[in-house]
Amino acid sequence: MTTAHAEPNYIGVFWWLLALTIIEIAVIYMPMAKVIIVILLVGLALSKAALVALYFMHLRFERFTLGLIALTPLILCVFLILMLSPDIHP
């Protein structure tokens, strides 16, 4: 038996995604070090990906284990990037 959940506020999520996109564009033109810009852009992209996964893929309403299964590729990707970065920048 499954329990019904309330329909997500898709328009609200859209406005949040739009706001984060505008912030990303603004960050590109800020006079800061490139490393800080990259960190900000990655953080904003991860927050946008989380919003999409939670609401449009309905992970917010699933069991915790399914969320862990969806999070595993991100963890592996970060691990691989950190492990391979010494080879990229000798």
PDB file of N, CA and C in Angstrom:
ATOM      1  N   MET A   1       0.835  -1.170   0.000  1.00  0.00           N
ATOM      2  CA  MET A   1       0.000   0.000   0.000  1.00  0.00           C
ATOM      3  C   MET A   1       0.889   1.246   0.000  1.00  0.00           C
ATOM      4  N   THR A   2       0.604   2.160  -0.854  1.00  0.00           N
ATOM      5  CA  THR A   2       1.374   3.394  -0.915  1.00  0.00           C
ATOM      6  C   THR A   2       0.550   4.530  -0.342  1.00  0.00           C
ATOM      7  N   THR A   3       1.238   5.477   0.211  1.00  0.00           N
ATOM      8  CA  THR A   3       0.547   6.642   0.747  1.00  0.00           C
ATOM      9  C   THR A   3       0.700   7.791  -0.236  1.00  0.00           C
ATOM     10  N   ALA A   4      -0.355   8.531  -0.388  1.00  0.00           N
ATOM     11  CA  ALA A   4      -0.327   9.673  -1.308  1.00  0.00           C
ATOM     12  C   ALA A   4       0.385  10.838  -0.637  1.00  0.00           C
ATOM     13  N   HIS A   5       1.020  11.632  -1.430  1.00  0.00           N
ATOM     14  CA  HIS A   5       1.682  12.825  -0.919  1.00  0.00           C
ATOM     15  C   HIS A   5       1.136  14.042  -1.664  1.00  0.00           C
ATOM     16  N   ALA A   6       1.321  15.176  -1.054  1.00  0.00           N
ATOM     17  CA  ALA A   6       0.856  16.409  -1.681  1.00  0.00           C
ATOM     18  C   ALA A   6       1.692  16.698  -2.922  1.00  0.00           C
ATOM     19  N   GLU A   7       1.059  17.262  -3.916  1.00  0.00           N
ATOM     20  CA  GLU A   7       1.775  17.604  -5.149  1.00  0.00           C
ATOM     21  C   GLU A   7       2.768  18.730  -4.864  1.00  0.00           C
ATOM     22  N   PRO A   8       4.007  18.583  -5.326  1.00  0.00           N
ATOM     23  CA  PRO A   8       5.006  19.640  -5.093  1.00  0.00           C
ATOM     24  C   PRO A   8       4.621  20.937  -5.793  1.00  0.00           C
ATOM     25  N   ASN A   9       5.126  22.008  -5.274  1.00  0.00           N
ATOM     26  CA  ASN A   9       4.902  23.324  -5.862  1.00  0.00           C
ATOM     27  C   ASN A   9       5.925  23.515  -6.992  1.00  0.00           C
ATOM     28  N   TYR A  10       5.568  23.044  -8.185  1.00  0.00           N
ATOM     29  CA  TYR A  10       6.503  23.090  -9.310  1.00  0.00           C
ATOM     30  C   TYR A  10       6.830  24.525  -9.723  1.00  0.00           C
ATOM     31  N   ILE A  11       5.874  25.399  -9.631  1.00  0.00           N
ATOM     32  CA  ILE A  11       6.135  26.810  -9.988  1.00  0.00           C
ATOM     33  C   ILE A  11       7.118  27.430  -8.996  1.00  0.00           C
ATOM     34  N   GLY A  12       6.981  27.101  -7.726  1.00  0.00           N
ATOM     35  CA  GLY A  12       7.933  27.595  -6.728  1.00  0.00           C
ATOM     36  C   GLY A  12       9.339  27.090  -6.990  1.00  0.00           C
ATOM     37  N   VAL A  13       9.440  25.804  -7.346  1.00  0.00           N
ATOM     38  CA  VAL A  13      10.749  25.231  -7.674  1.00  0.00           C
ATOM     39  C   VAL A  13      11.314  25.908  -8.916  1.00  0.00           C
ATOM     40  N   PHE A  14      10.459  26.189  -9.904  1.00  0.00           N
ATOM     41  CA  PHE A  14      10.911  26.888 -11.100  1.00  0.00           C
ATOM     42  C   PHE A  14      11.502  28.250 -10.743  1.00  0.00           C
ATOM     43  N   TRP A  15      10.827  28.994  -9.878  1.00  0.00           N
ATOM     44  CA  TRP A  15      11.325  30.324  -9.507  1.00  0.00           C
ATOM     45  C   TRP A  15      12.656  30.222  -8.763  1.00  0.00           C
ATOM     46  N   TRP A  16      12.819  29.203  -7.910  1.00  0.00           N
ATOM     47  CA  TRP A  16      14.097  29.004  -7.238  1.00  0.00           C
ATOM     48  C   TRP A  16      15.197  28.671  -8.239  1.00  0.00           C
ATOM     49  N   LEU A  17      14.888  27.817  -9.211  1.00  0.00           N
ATOM     50  CA  LEU A  17      15.885  27.484 -10.232  1.00  0.00           C
ATOM     51  C   LEU A  17      16.257  28.701 -11.064  1.00  0.00           C
ATOM     52  N   LEU A  18      15.269  29.528 -11.385  1.00  0.00           N
ATOM     53  CA  LEU A  18      15.540  30.752 -12.136  1.00  0.00           C
ATOM     54  C   LEU A  18      16.426  31.702 -11.328  1.00  0.00           C
ATOM     55  N   ALA A  19      16.112  31.862 -10.052  1.00  0.00           N
ATOM     56  CA  ALA A  19      16.918  32.739  -9.198  1.00  0.00           C
ATOM     57  C   ALA A  19      18.354  32.234  -9.090  1.00  0.00           C
ATOM     58  N   LEU A  20      18.531  30.921  -8.923  1.00  0.00           N
ATOM     59  CA  LEU A  20      19.886  30.366  -8.846  1.00  0.00           C
ATOM     60  C   LEU A  20      20.640  30.545 -10.160  1.00  0.00           C
ATOM     61  N   THR A  21      19.941  30.447 -11.283  1.00  0.00           N
ATOM     62  CA  THR A  21      20.578  30.662 -12.585  1.00  0.00           C
ATOM     63  C   THR A  21      21.021  32.110 -12.738  1.00  0.00           C
ATOM     64  N   ILE A  22      20.192  33.041 -12.318  1.00  0.00           N
ATOM     65  CA  ILE A  22      20.564  34.461 -12.381  1.00  0.00           C
ATOM     66  C   ILE A  22      21.763  34.727 -11.483  1.00  0.00           C
ATOM     67  N   ILE A  23      21.794  34.105 -10.304  1.00  0.00           N
ATOM     68  CA  ILE A  23      22.942  34.264  -9.409  1.00  0.00           C
ATOM     69  C   ILE A  23      24.201  33.695 -10.054  1.00  0.00           C
ATOM     70  N   GLU A  24      24.074  32.557 -10.744  1.00  0.00           N
ATOM     71  CA  GLU A  24      25.234  31.975 -11.442  1.00  0.00           C
ATOM     72  C   GLU A  24      25.785  32.932 -12.489  1.00  0.00           C
ATOM     73  N   ILE A  25      24.911  33.545 -13.246  1.00  0.00           N
ATOM     74  CA  ILE A  25      25.357  34.494 -14.277  1.00  0.00           C
ATOM     75  C   ILE A  25      26.033  35.695 -13.627  1.00  0.00           C
ATOM     76  N   ALA A  26      25.484  36.161 -12.500  1.00  0.00           N
ATOM     77  CA  ALA A  26      26.093  37.295 -11.797  1.00  0.00           C
ATOM     78  C   ALA A  26      27.460  36.930 -11.240  1.00  0.00           C
ATOM     79  N   VAL A  27      27.620  35.698 -10.752  1.00  0.00           N
ATOM     80  CA  VAL A  27      28.896  35.262 -10.182  1.00  0.00           C
ATOM     81  C   VAL A  27      29.993  35.273 -11.235  1.00  0.00           C
ATOM     82  N   ILE A  28      29.654  34.925 -12.463  1.00  0.00           N
ATOM     83  CA  ILE A  28      30.655  34.885 -13.531  1.00  0.00           C
ATOM     84  C   ILE A  28      31.319  36.246 -13.725  1.00  0.00           C
ATOM     85  N   TYR A  29      30.549  37.313 -13.576  1.00  0.00           N
ATOM     86  CA  TYR A  29      31.071  38.656 -13.834  1.00  0.00           C
ATOM     87  C   TYR A  29      31.622  39.351 -12.593  1.00  0.00           C
ATOM     88  N   MET A  30      31.640  38.679 -11.453  1.00  0.00           N
ATOM     89  CA  MET A  30      32.171  39.295 -10.230  1.00  0.00           C
ATOM     90  C   MET A  30      33.698  39.338 -10.288  1.00  0.00           C
ATOM     91  N   PRO A  31      34.279  40.431  -9.798  1.00  0.00           N
ATOM     92  CA  PRO A  31      35.751  40.537  -9.803  1.00  0.00           C
ATOM     93  C   PRO A  31      36.360  39.774  -8.622  1.00  0.00           C
ATOM     94  N   MET A  32      36.451  38.464  -8.770  1.00  0.00           N
ATOM     95  CA  MET A  32      37.022  37.616  -7.720  1.00  0.00           C
ATOM     96  C   MET A  32      38.031  36.670  -8.356  1.00  0.00           C
ATOM     97  N   ALA A  33      38.742  35.968  -7.493  1.00  0.00           N
ATOM     98  CA  ALA A  33      39.676  34.949  -7.984  1.00  0.00           C
ATOM     99  C   ALA A  33      38.889  33.838  -8.666  1.00  0.00           C
ATOM    100  N   LYS A  34      39.475  33.263  -9.701  1.00  0.00           N
ATOM    101  CA  LYS A  34      38.783  32.222 -10.473  1.00  0.00           C
ATOM    102  C   LYS A  34      38.442  31.003  -9.621  1.00  0.00           C
ATOM    103  N   VAL A  35      39.276  30.702  -8.643  1.00  0.00           N
ATOM    104  CA  VAL A  35      39.018  29.547  -7.779  1.00  0.00           C
ATOM    105  C   VAL A  35      37.726  29.768  -6.991  1.00  0.00           C
ATOM    106  N   ILE A  36      37.530  30.961  -6.480  1.00  0.00           N
ATOM    107  CA  ILE A  36      36.315  31.268  -5.719  1.00  0.00           C
ATOM    108  C   ILE A  36      35.095  31.221  -6.631  1.00  0.00           C
ATOM    109  N   ILE A  37      35.234  31.733  -7.841  1.00  0.00           N
ATOM    110  CA  ILE A  37      34.123  31.694  -8.801  1.00  0.00           C
ATOM    111  C   ILE A  37      33.744  30.249  -9.110  1.00  0.00           C
ATOM    112  N   VAL A  38      34.746  29.404  -9.321  1.00  0.00           N
ATOM    113  CA  VAL A  38      34.481  27.995  -9.625  1.00  0.00           C
ATOM    114  C   VAL A  38      33.784  27.315  -8.450  1.00  0.00           C
ATOM    115  N   ILE A  39      34.246  27.579  -7.241  1.00  0.00           N
ATOM    116  CA  ILE A  39      33.629  26.974  -6.054  1.00  0.00           C
ATOM    117  C   ILE A  39      32.178  27.427  -5.915  1.00  0.00           C
ATOM    118  N   LEU A  40      31.921  28.711  -6.133  1.00  0.00           N
ATOM    119  CA  LEU A  40      30.551  29.220  -6.061  1.00  0.00           C
ATOM    120  C   LEU A  40      29.667  28.591  -7.137  1.00  0.00           C
ATOM    121  N   LEU A  41      30.195  28.482  -8.358  1.00  0.00           N
ATOM    122  CA  LEU A  41      29.412  27.900  -9.442  1.00  0.00           C
ATOM    123  C   LEU A  41      29.112  26.421  -9.202  1.00  0.00           C
ATOM    124  N   VAL A  42      30.071  25.688  -8.671  1.00  0.00           N
ATOM    125  CA  VAL A  42      29.836  24.274  -8.371  1.00  0.00           C
ATOM    126  C   VAL A  42      28.791  24.136  -7.265  1.00  0.00           C
ATOM    127  N   GLY A  43      28.879  24.977  -6.250  1.00  0.00           N
ATOM    128  CA  GLY A  43      27.888  24.947  -5.173  1.00  0.00           C
ATOM    129  C   GLY A  43      26.490  25.269  -5.666  1.00  0.00           C
ATOM    130  N   LEU A  44      26.385  26.277  -6.522  1.00  0.00           N
ATOM    131  CA  LEU A  44      25.082  26.629  -7.087  1.00  0.00           C
ATOM    132  C   LEU A  44      24.545  25.517  -7.985  1.00  0.00           C
ATOM    133  N   ALA A  45      25.432  24.900  -8.767  1.00  0.00           N
ATOM    134  CA  ALA A  45      25.001  23.801  -9.639  1.00  0.00           C
ATOM    135  C   ALA A  45      24.532  22.598  -8.818  1.00  0.00           C
ATOM    136  N   LEU A  46      25.210  22.307  -7.720  1.00  0.00           N
ATOM    137  CA  LEU A  46      24.786  21.206  -6.865  1.00  0.00           C
ATOM    138  C   LEU A  46      23.437  21.491  -6.213  1.00  0.00           C
ATOM    139  N   SER A  47      23.215  22.738  -5.817  1.00  0.00           N
ATOM    140  CA  SER A  47      21.920  23.073  -5.222  1.00  0.00           C
ATOM    141  C   SER A  47      20.799  22.982  -6.256  1.00  0.00           C
ATOM    142  N   LYS A  48      21.076  23.386  -7.495  1.00  0.00           N
ATOM    143  CA  LYS A  48      20.068  23.246  -8.556  1.00  0.00           C
ATOM    144  C   LYS A  48      19.807  21.774  -8.859  1.00  0.00           C
ATOM    145  N   ALA A  49      20.860  20.964  -8.903  1.00  0.00           N
ATOM    146  CA  ALA A  49      20.683  19.531  -9.154  1.00  0.00           C
ATOM    147  C   ALA A  49      19.887  18.877  -8.029  1.00  0.00           C
ATOM    148  N   ALA A  50      20.122  19.314  -6.801  1.00  0.00           N
ATOM    149  CA  ALA A  50      19.366  18.768  -5.670  1.00  0.00           C
ATOM    150  C   ALA A  50      17.890  19.131  -5.777  1.00  0.00           C
ATOM    151  N   LEU A  51      17.587  20.365  -6.154  1.00  0.00           N
ATOM    152  CA  LEU A  51      16.186  20.758  -6.330  1.00  0.00           C
ATOM    153  C   LEU A  51      15.505  19.924  -7.402  1.00  0.00           C
ATOM    154  N   VAL A  52      16.173  19.732  -8.519  1.00  0.00           N
ATOM    155  CA  VAL A  52      15.593  18.937  -9.604  1.00  0.00           C
ATOM    156  C   VAL A  52      15.387  17.490  -9.154  1.00  0.00           C
ATOM    157  N   ALA A  53      16.383  16.920  -8.490  1.00  0.00           N
ATOM    158  CA  ALA A  53      16.267  15.527  -8.048  1.00  0.00           C
ATOM    159  C   ALA A  53      15.171  15.375  -6.995  1.00  0.00           C
ATOM    160  N   LEU A  54      15.098  16.306  -6.068  1.00  0.00           N
ATOM    161  CA  LEU A  54      14.122  16.176  -4.997  1.00  0.00           C
ATOM    162  C   LEU A  54      12.690  16.335  -5.481  1.00  0.00           C
ATOM    163  N   TYR A  55      12.458  17.301  -6.358  1.00  0.00           N
ATOM    164  CA  TYR A  55      11.071  17.610  -6.711  1.00  0.00           C
ATOM    165  C   TYR A  55      10.634  17.027  -8.052  1.00  0.00           C
ATOM    166  N   PHE A  56      11.464  17.120  -9.085  1.00  0.00           N
ATOM    167  CA  PHE A  56      11.046  16.616 -10.388  1.00  0.00           C
ATOM    168  C   PHE A  56      11.254  15.113 -10.512  1.00  0.00           C
ATOM    169  N   MET A  57      12.229  14.563  -9.786  1.00  0.00           N
ATOM    170  CA  MET A  57      12.409  13.116  -9.770  1.00  0.00           C
ATOM    171  C   MET A  57      11.703  12.486  -8.567  1.00  0.00           C
ATOM    172  N   HIS A  58      11.053  13.312  -7.763  1.00  0.00           N
ATOM    173  CA  HIS A  58      10.237  12.894  -6.618  1.00  0.00           C
ATOM    174  C   HIS A  58      11.023  12.140  -5.554  1.00  0.00           C
ATOM    175  N   LEU A  59      12.321  12.404  -5.431  1.00  0.00           N
ATOM    176  CA  LEU A  59      13.109  11.734  -4.398  1.00  0.00           C
ATOM    177  C   LEU A  59      12.755  12.225  -3.003  1.00  0.00           C
ATOM    178  N   ARG A  60      12.183  13.398  -2.911  1.00  0.00           N
ATOM    179  CA  ARG A  60      11.796  13.939  -1.605  1.00  0.00           C
ATOM    180  C   ARG A  60      10.734  13.066  -0.952  1.00  0.00           C
ATOM    181  N   PHE A  61       9.947  12.380  -1.761  1.00  0.00           N
ATOM    182  CA  PHE A  61       8.833  11.594  -1.248  1.00  0.00           C
ATOM    183  C   PHE A  61       9.125  10.096  -1.218  1.00  0.00           C
ATOM    184  N   GLU A  62      10.355   9.716  -1.510  1.00  0.00           N
ATOM    185  CA  GLU A  62      10.736   8.306  -1.519  1.00  0.00           C
ATOM    186  C   GLU A  62      11.416   7.946  -0.203  1.00  0.00           C
ATOM    187  N   ARG A  63      11.715   6.684  -0.082  1.00  0.00           N
ATOM    188  CA  ARG A  63      12.420   6.214   1.104  1.00  0.00           C
ATOM    189  C   ARG A  63      13.849   6.728   1.101  1.00  0.00           C
ATOM    190  N   PHE A  64      14.441   6.736   2.286  1.00  0.00           N
ATOM    191  CA  PHE A  64      15.801   7.238   2.461  1.00  0.00           C
ATOM    192  C   PHE A  64      16.801   6.429   1.647  1.00  0.00           C
ATOM    193  N   THR A  65      16.601   5.117   1.554  1.00  0.00           N
ATOM    194  CA  THR A  65      17.561   4.269   0.832  1.00  0.00           C
ATOM    195  C   THR A  65      17.602   4.603  -0.655  1.00  0.00           C
ATOM    196  N   LEU A  66      16.457   4.977  -1.237  1.00  0.00           N
ATOM    197  CA  LEU A  66      16.458   5.359  -2.643  1.00  0.00           C
ATOM    198  C   LEU A  66      17.233   6.662  -2.843  1.00  0.00           C
ATOM    199  N   GLY A  67      17.148   7.569  -1.886  1.00  0.00           N
ATOM    200  CA  GLY A  67      17.948   8.801  -1.941  1.00  0.00           C
ATOM    201  C   GLY A  67      19.436   8.503  -1.878  1.00  0.00           C
ATOM    202  N   LEU A  68      19.815   7.535  -1.049  1.00  0.00           N
ATOM    203  CA  LEU A  68      21.230   7.144  -0.985  1.00  0.00           C
ATOM    204  C   LEU A  68      21.700   6.538  -2.289  1.00  0.00           C
ATOM    205  N   ILE A  69      20.835   5.759  -2.926  1.00  0.00           N
ATOM    206  CA  ILE A  69      21.192   5.178  -4.220  1.00  0.00           C
ATOM    207  C   ILE A  69      21.393   6.282  -5.255  1.00  0.00           C
ATOM    208  N   ALA A  70      20.571   7.313  -5.219  1.00  0.00           N
ATOM    209  CA  ALA A  70      20.707   8.424  -6.160  1.00  0.00           C
ATOM    210  C   ALA A  70      21.931   9.280  -5.840  1.00  0.00           C
ATOM    211  N   LEU A  71      22.344   9.315  -4.580  1.00  0.00           N
ATOM    212  CA  LEU A  71      23.486  10.140  -4.163  1.00  0.00           C
ATOM    213  C   LEU A  71      24.827   9.458  -4.432  1.00  0.00           C
ATOM    214  N   THR A  72      24.828   8.163  -4.579  1.00  0.00           N
ATOM    215  CA  THR A  72      26.066   7.398  -4.770  1.00  0.00           C
ATOM    216  C   THR A  72      26.893   7.859  -5.974  1.00  0.00           C
ATOM    217  N   PRO A  73      26.304   8.115  -7.162  1.00  0.00           N
ATOM    218  CA  PRO A  73      27.138   8.591  -8.280  1.00  0.00           C
ATOM    219  C   PRO A  73      27.828   9.921  -7.997  1.00  0.00           C
ATOM    220  N   LEU A  74      27.174  10.806  -7.260  1.00  0.00           N
ATOM    221  CA  LEU A  74      27.810  12.082  -6.916  1.00  0.00           C
ATOM    222  C   LEU A  74      29.021  11.850  -6.022  1.00  0.00           C
ATOM    223  N   ILE A  75      28.876  10.985  -5.053  1.00  0.00           N
ATOM    224  CA  ILE A  75      29.994  10.675  -4.156  1.00  0.00           C
ATOM    225  C   ILE A  75      31.147  10.051  -4.937  1.00  0.00           C
ATOM    226  N   LEU A  76      30.844   9.133  -5.827  1.00  0.00           N
ATOM    227  CA  LEU A  76      31.888   8.514  -6.652  1.00  0.00           C
ATOM    228  C   LEU A  76      32.567   9.533  -7.561  1.00  0.00           C
ATOM    229  N   CYS A  77      31.802  10.443  -8.118  1.00  0.00           N
ATOM    230  CA  CYS A  77      32.360  11.469  -8.996  1.00  0.00           C
ATOM    231  C   CYS A  77      33.323  12.377  -8.238  1.00  0.00           C
ATOM    232  N   VAL A  78      32.916  12.823  -7.066  1.00  0.00           N
ATOM    233  CA  VAL A  78      33.802  13.677  -6.251  1.00  0.00           C
ATOM    234  C   VAL A  78      35.062  12.905  -5.868  1.00  0.00           C
ATOM    235  N   PHE A  79      34.911  11.651  -5.483  1.00  0.00           N
ATOM    236  CA  PHE A  79      36.063  10.824  -5.129  1.00  0.00           C
ATOM    237  C   PHE A  79      37.035  10.704  -6.300  1.00  0.00           C
ATOM    238  N   LEU A  80      36.507  10.421  -7.492  1.00  0.00           N
ATOM    239  CA  LEU A  80      37.379  10.275  -8.670  1.00  0.00           C
ATOM    240  C   LEU A  80      38.077  11.579  -9.027  1.00  0.00           C
ATOM    241  N   ILE A  81      37.360  12.687  -8.936  1.00  0.00           N
ATOM    242  CA  ILE A  81      37.979  13.979  -9.242  1.00  0.00           C
ATOM    243  C   ILE A  81      39.115  14.262  -8.265  1.00  0.00           C
ATOM    244  N   LEU A  82      38.880  14.009  -6.979  1.00  0.00           N
ATOM    245  CA  LEU A  82      39.927  14.269  -5.983  1.00  0.00           C
ATOM    246  C   LEU A  82      41.116  13.328  -6.153  1.00  0.00           C
ATOM    247  N   MET A  83      40.857  12.090  -6.524  1.00  0.00           N
ATOM    248  CA  MET A  83      41.946  11.138  -6.704  1.00  0.00           C
ATOM    249  C   MET A  83      42.735  11.375  -7.981  1.00  0.00           C
ATOM    250  N   LEU A  84      42.091  11.891  -9.028  1.00  0.00           N
ATOM    251  CA  LEU A  84      42.779  12.105 -10.294  1.00  0.00           C
ATOM    252  C   LEU A  84      43.365  13.507 -10.451  1.00  0.00           C
ATOM    253  N   SER A  85      43.025  14.415  -9.563  1.00  0.00           N
ATOM    254  CA  SER A  85      43.524  15.779  -9.703  1.00  0.00           C
ATOM    255  C   SER A  85      45.053  15.877  -9.634  1.00  0.00           C
ATOM    256  N   PRO A  86      45.780  15.042  -8.870  1.00  0.00           N
ATOM    257  CA  PRO A  86      47.245  15.131  -8.945  1.00  0.00           C
ATOM    258  C   PRO A  86      47.792  14.802 -10.336  1.00  0.00           C
ATOM    259  N   ASP A  87      47.091  13.954 -11.089  1.00  0.00           N
ATOM    260  CA  ASP A  87      47.546  13.622 -12.438  1.00  0.00           C
ATOM    261  C   ASP A  87      47.225  14.732 -13.431  1.00  0.00           C
ATOM    262  N   ILE A  88      46.176  15.493 -13.157  1.00  0.00           N
ATOM    263  CA  ILE A  88      45.787  16.571 -14.064  1.00  0.00           C
ATOM    264  C   ILE A  88      46.726  17.767 -13.900  1.00  0.00           C
ATOM    265  N   HIS A  89      47.070  18.076 -12.654  1.00  0.00           N
ATOM    266  CA  HIS A  89      47.926  19.244 -12.358  1.00  0.00           C
ATOM    267  C   HIS A  89      49.218  18.755 -11.712  1.00  0.00           C
ATOM    268  N   PRO A  90      50.197  18.371 -12.522  1.00  0.00           N
ATOM    269  CA  PRO A  90      51.451  17.842 -11.949  1.00  0.00           C
ATOM    270  C   PRO A  90      52.293  18.913 -11.282  1.00  0.00           C
TER     271      PRO A  90
END
